[in-house]
């Protein structure tokens, strides 16, 4: 996606939405010192343009019994479109996969898993990842402490 040129008003709205989260349009309009109709129109346009991707609550994984977070660096043996599609499809079927990113460097993908315990992590590696023939190597890093994961995107 190409960078969208946002005017200062849209940037103020985005900064407020990221910081305030659940807020009514009236509260948002008050916060950015505008009337309700133009704020609502701008927010709807940013939603339609894909700048605002959605709204969802930040859920505490520990409160749900998801005590282990793991980042896996996955390296392919060879690069083919069918390998990429199969890998992505397989991970898309695993609900514990929080994110998948194609990366540069030695590894090809960075996969984030959030699971209940190490046994769950081992099960996913054994039953999903090790069955994918395109995978050459998996290096895992278990998160010991989440320092922060609540920073809004810098909107300038």
C-alpha atoms as a PDB file:
ATOM      1  CA  UNK A   1       0.000   0.000   0.000  1.00  0.00           C
ATOM      2  CA  UNK A   2       1.341   3.412  -0.925  1.00  0.00           C
ATOM      3  CA  UNK A   3       1.666   6.023   1.776  1.00  0.00           C
ATOM      4  CA  UNK A   4      -1.514   8.022   2.058  1.00  0.00           C
ATOM      5  CA  UNK A   5      -1.097  11.749   2.408  1.00  0.00           C
ATOM      6  CA  UNK A   6      -3.173  12.744   5.400  1.00  0.00           C
ATOM      7  CA  UNK A   7      -3.934  16.303   6.341  1.00  0.00           C
ATOM      8  CA  UNK A   8      -3.335  17.484   9.898  1.00  0.00           C
ATOM      9  CA  UNK A   9      -7.008  17.013  10.819  1.00  0.00           C
ATOM     10  CA  UNK A  10      -6.988  13.334   9.817  1.00  0.00           C
ATOM     11  CA  UNK A  11      -3.703  12.846  11.670  1.00  0.00           C
ATOM     12  CA  UNK A  12      -5.259  14.384  14.813  1.00  0.00           C
ATOM     13  CA  UNK A  13      -8.244  12.051  14.462  1.00  0.00           C
ATOM     14  CA  UNK A  14      -5.989   8.986  14.044  1.00  0.00           C
ATOM     15  CA  UNK A  15      -3.827   9.940  17.017  1.00  0.00           C
ATOM     16  CA  UNK A  16      -6.947  10.388  19.152  1.00  0.00           C
ATOM     17  CA  UNK A  17      -8.499   7.092  18.027  1.00  0.00           C
ATOM     18  CA  UNK A  18      -5.306   5.172  18.758  1.00  0.00           C
ATOM     19  CA  UNK A  19      -4.983   6.727  22.192  1.00  0.00           C
ATOM     20  CA  UNK A  20      -8.630   6.720  23.268  1.00  0.00           C
ATOM     21  CA  UNK A  21      -9.814   3.424  21.763  1.00  0.00           C
ATOM     22  CA  UNK A  22     -13.504   3.134  22.539  1.00  0.00           C
ATOM     23  CA  UNK A  23     -14.869   6.581  22.019  1.00  0.00           C
ATOM     24  CA  UNK A  24     -18.100   7.854  20.530  1.00  0.00           C
ATOM     25  CA  UNK A  25     -17.987  10.023  17.441  1.00  0.00           C
ATOM     26  CA  UNK A  26     -19.285  12.909  19.572  1.00  0.00           C
ATOM     27  CA  UNK A  27     -16.426  12.461  22.065  1.00  0.00           C
ATOM     28  CA  UNK A  28     -13.920  12.177  19.223  1.00  0.00           C
ATOM     29  CA  UNK A  29     -15.265  15.359  17.618  1.00  0.00           C
ATOM     30  CA  UNK A  30     -14.953  17.183  20.921  1.00  0.00           C
ATOM     31  CA  UNK A  31     -11.433  15.870  21.426  1.00  0.00           C
ATOM     32  CA  UNK A  32     -10.239  17.139  18.030  1.00  0.00           C
ATOM     33  CA  UNK A  33     -12.263  20.382  18.279  1.00  0.00           C
ATOM     34  CA  UNK A  34     -14.570  19.720  15.340  1.00  0.00           C
ATOM     35  CA  UNK A  35     -18.263  19.218  14.805  1.00  0.00           C
ATOM     36  CA  UNK A  36     -19.681  15.704  14.662  1.00  0.00           C
ATOM     37  CA  UNK A  37     -20.625  15.421  10.958  1.00  0.00           C
ATOM     38  CA  UNK A  38     -17.183  16.228   9.464  1.00  0.00           C
ATOM     39  CA  UNK A  39     -15.402  13.960  11.953  1.00  0.00           C
ATOM     40  CA  UNK A  40     -17.774  11.113  11.171  1.00  0.00           C
ATOM     41  CA  UNK A  41     -17.302  11.683   7.425  1.00  0.00           C
ATOM     42  CA  UNK A  42     -13.496  11.682   7.768  1.00  0.00           C
ATOM     43  CA  UNK A  43     -13.454   8.529   9.905  1.00  0.00           C
ATOM     44  CA  UNK A  44     -15.766   6.705   7.482  1.00  0.00           C
ATOM     45  CA  UNK A  45     -13.534   7.743   4.536  1.00  0.00           C
ATOM     46  CA  UNK A  46     -10.393   6.504   6.339  1.00  0.00           C
ATOM     47  CA  UNK A  47     -12.208   3.204   7.009  1.00  0.00           C
ATOM     48  CA  UNK A  48     -13.214   2.892   3.345  1.00  0.00           C
ATOM     49  CA  UNK A  49      -9.660   3.717   2.229  1.00  0.00           C
ATOM     50  CA  UNK A  50      -8.232   0.999   4.505  1.00  0.00           C
ATOM     51  CA  UNK A  51      -6.320   3.426   6.709  1.00  0.00           C
ATOM     52  CA  UNK A  52      -8.440   2.374   9.684  1.00  0.00           C
ATOM     53  CA  UNK A  53      -8.553  -1.424   9.521  1.00  0.00           C
ATOM     54  CA  UNK A  54     -10.988  -2.092  12.333  1.00  0.00           C
ATOM     55  CA  UNK A  55     -11.786  -1.801  16.011  1.00  0.00           C
ATOM     56  CA  UNK A  56     -11.259  -4.507  18.589  1.00  0.00           C
ATOM     57  CA  UNK A  57     -10.539  -4.828  22.296  1.00  0.00           C
ATOM     58  CA  UNK A  58      -7.046  -5.465  23.638  1.00  0.00           C
ATOM     59  CA  UNK A  59      -7.446  -8.742  25.501  1.00  0.00           C
ATOM     60  CA  UNK A  60      -5.075  -9.822  28.276  1.00  0.00           C
ATOM     61  CA  UNK A  61      -3.714 -13.175  27.060  1.00  0.00           C
ATOM     62  CA  UNK A  62      -2.762 -14.215  30.607  1.00  0.00           C
ATOM     63  CA  UNK A  63      -6.370 -13.737  31.753  1.00  0.00           C
ATOM     64  CA  UNK A  64      -7.319 -16.296  29.078  1.00  0.00           C
ATOM     65  CA  UNK A  65      -4.698 -18.789  30.223  1.00  0.00           C
ATOM     66  CA  UNK A  66      -2.391 -18.086  27.276  1.00  0.00           C
ATOM     67  CA  UNK A  67       0.835 -17.957  29.245  1.00  0.00           C
ATOM     68  CA  UNK A  68       3.410 -18.571  26.525  1.00  0.00           C
ATOM     69  CA  UNK A  69       4.299 -16.312  23.619  1.00  0.00           C
ATOM     70  CA  UNK A  70       6.840 -17.582  21.081  1.00  0.00           C
ATOM     71  CA  UNK A  71       8.456 -16.002  18.037  1.00  0.00           C
ATOM     72  CA  UNK A  72       9.642 -18.465  15.414  1.00  0.00           C
ATOM     73  CA  UNK A  73      12.066 -17.665  12.622  1.00  0.00           C
ATOM     74  CA  UNK A  74      11.190 -20.020   9.781  1.00  0.00           C
ATOM     75  CA  UNK A  75      13.568 -20.677   6.887  1.00  0.00           C
ATOM     76  CA  UNK A  76      12.510 -22.383   3.647  1.00  0.00           C
ATOM     77  CA  UNK A  77      14.583 -24.948   1.738  1.00  0.00           C
ATOM     78  CA  UNK A  78      13.645 -23.364  -1.590  1.00  0.00           C
ATOM     79  CA  UNK A  79      11.393 -20.550  -2.681  1.00  0.00           C
ATOM     80  CA  UNK A  80       8.406 -21.398  -4.856  1.00  0.00           C
ATOM     81  CA  UNK A  81       4.976 -19.809  -5.006  1.00  0.00           C
ATOM     82  CA  UNK A  82       3.276 -23.101  -4.139  1.00  0.00           C
ATOM     83  CA  UNK A  83       5.469 -23.405  -1.018  1.00  0.00           C
ATOM     84  CA  UNK A  84       4.556 -19.905   0.075  1.00  0.00           C
ATOM     85  CA  UNK A  85       0.849 -20.509  -0.482  1.00  0.00           C
ATOM     86  CA  UNK A  86       0.897 -23.861   1.341  1.00  0.00           C
ATOM     87  CA  UNK A  87       2.826 -22.403   4.294  1.00  0.00           C
ATOM     88  CA  UNK A  88       0.508 -19.436   4.619  1.00  0.00           C
ATOM     89  CA  UNK A  89      -2.591 -21.611   4.314  1.00  0.00           C
ATOM     90  CA  UNK A  90      -1.328 -24.070   6.943  1.00  0.00           C
ATOM     91  CA  UNK A  91      -0.585 -21.298   9.436  1.00  0.00           C
ATOM     92  CA  UNK A  92      -3.891 -19.603   8.661  1.00  0.00           C
ATOM     93  CA  UNK A  93      -5.644 -22.703  10.034  1.00  0.00           C
ATOM     94  CA  UNK A  94      -3.831 -22.505  13.402  1.00  0.00           C
ATOM     95  CA  UNK A  95      -5.778 -20.277  15.810  1.00  0.00           C
ATOM     96  CA  UNK A  96      -2.754 -19.844  18.083  1.00  0.00           C
ATOM     97  CA  UNK A  97      -0.868 -18.016  15.322  1.00  0.00           C
ATOM     98  CA  UNK A  98      -1.165 -14.325  16.139  1.00  0.00           C
ATOM     99  CA  UNK A  99       0.895 -12.957  13.257  1.00  0.00           C
ATOM    100  CA  UNK A 100       3.039 -14.031  10.315  1.00  0.00           C
ATOM    101  CA  UNK A 101       5.497 -11.717   8.638  1.00  0.00           C
ATOM    102  CA  UNK A 102       7.718 -12.296   5.591  1.00  0.00           C
ATOM    103  CA  UNK A 103      11.089 -10.861   6.582  1.00  0.00           C
ATOM    104  CA  UNK A 104      14.535 -10.162   5.194  1.00  0.00           C
ATOM    105  CA  UNK A 105      17.687 -11.699   6.620  1.00  0.00           C
ATOM    106  CA  UNK A 106      18.553 -15.331   7.215  1.00  0.00           C
ATOM    107  CA  UNK A 107      14.994 -16.447   7.975  1.00  0.00           C
ATOM    108  CA  UNK A 108      12.086 -16.105   5.571  1.00  0.00           C
ATOM    109  CA  UNK A 109       9.202 -15.675   8.019  1.00  0.00           C
ATOM    110  CA  UNK A 110       8.642 -14.502  11.570  1.00  0.00           C
ATOM    111  CA  UNK A 111       5.713 -16.265  13.200  1.00  0.00           C
ATOM    112  CA  UNK A 112       4.175 -15.196  16.502  1.00  0.00           C
ATOM    113  CA  UNK A 113       2.376 -17.871  18.524  1.00  0.00           C
ATOM    114  CA  UNK A 114       0.365 -17.334  21.686  1.00  0.00           C
ATOM    115  CA  UNK A 115      -0.350 -20.614  23.495  1.00  0.00           C
ATOM    116  CA  UNK A 116      -1.347 -21.934  26.890  1.00  0.00           C
ATOM    117  CA  UNK A 117       1.887 -23.725  27.644  1.00  0.00           C
ATOM    118  CA  UNK A 118       5.032 -25.257  26.169  1.00  0.00           C
ATOM    119  CA  UNK A 119       3.157 -28.475  25.365  1.00  0.00           C
ATOM    120  CA  UNK A 120       0.809 -26.473  23.094  1.00  0.00           C
ATOM    121  CA  UNK A 121       3.813 -24.897  21.385  1.00  0.00           C
ATOM    122  CA  UNK A 122       5.441 -28.315  20.870  1.00  0.00           C
ATOM    123  CA  UNK A 123       2.192 -29.709  19.454  1.00  0.00           C
ATOM    124  CA  UNK A 124       1.993 -26.943  16.824  1.00  0.00           C
ATOM    125  CA  UNK A 125       5.627 -27.419  15.835  1.00  0.00           C
ATOM    126  CA  UNK A 126       5.238 -31.204  15.635  1.00  0.00           C
ATOM    127  CA  UNK A 127       1.768 -31.429  14.065  1.00  0.00           C
ATOM    128  CA  UNK A 128       1.912 -28.445  11.723  1.00  0.00           C
ATOM    129  CA  UNK A 129       5.332 -26.978  11.038  1.00  0.00           C
ATOM    130  CA  UNK A 130       7.463 -30.130  10.907  1.00  0.00           C
ATOM    131  CA  UNK A 131       4.987 -31.646   8.443  1.00  0.00           C
ATOM    132  CA  UNK A 132       5.588 -28.860   5.932  1.00  0.00           C
ATOM    133  CA  UNK A 133       8.308 -30.097   3.548  1.00  0.00           C
ATOM    134  CA  UNK A 134       9.396 -26.614   2.469  1.00  0.00           C
ATOM    135  CA  UNK A 135      10.680 -25.771   5.956  1.00  0.00           C
ATOM    136  CA  UNK A 136      14.421 -26.121   6.373  1.00  0.00           C
ATOM    137  CA  UNK A 137      14.870 -24.600   9.830  1.00  0.00           C
ATOM    138  CA  UNK A 138      12.868 -23.235  12.752  1.00  0.00           C
ATOM    139  CA  UNK A 139      14.456 -21.087  15.441  1.00  0.00           C
ATOM    140  CA  UNK A 140      12.295 -20.211  18.409  1.00  0.00           C
ATOM    141  CA  UNK A 141      12.470 -17.456  20.994  1.00  0.00           C
ATOM    142  CA  UNK A 142      10.179 -17.655  24.000  1.00  0.00           C
ATOM    143  CA  UNK A 143       9.082 -14.308  25.404  1.00  0.00           C
ATOM    144  CA  UNK A 144      10.213 -14.000  29.014  1.00  0.00           C
ATOM    145  CA  UNK A 145       8.606 -10.634  29.660  1.00  0.00           C
ATOM    146  CA  UNK A 146       6.404  -8.324  27.613  1.00  0.00           C
ATOM    147  CA  UNK A 147       7.882  -4.904  28.257  1.00  0.00           C
ATOM    148  CA  UNK A 148       5.170  -3.095  26.291  1.00  0.00           C
ATOM    149  CA  UNK A 149       2.875  -3.781  23.380  1.00  0.00           C
ATOM    150  CA  UNK A 150       0.561  -0.831  23.386  1.00  0.00           C
ATOM    151  CA  UNK A 151       2.314   1.841  21.404  1.00  0.00           C
ATOM    152  CA  UNK A 152       0.169   3.586  18.819  1.00  0.00           C
ATOM    153  CA  UNK A 153       1.603   4.064  15.357  1.00  0.00           C
ATOM    154  CA  UNK A 154       3.450   7.318  14.875  1.00  0.00           C
ATOM    155  CA  UNK A 155       1.195   9.538  12.788  1.00  0.00           C
ATOM    156  CA  UNK A 156       3.035  12.534  11.381  1.00  0.00           C
END
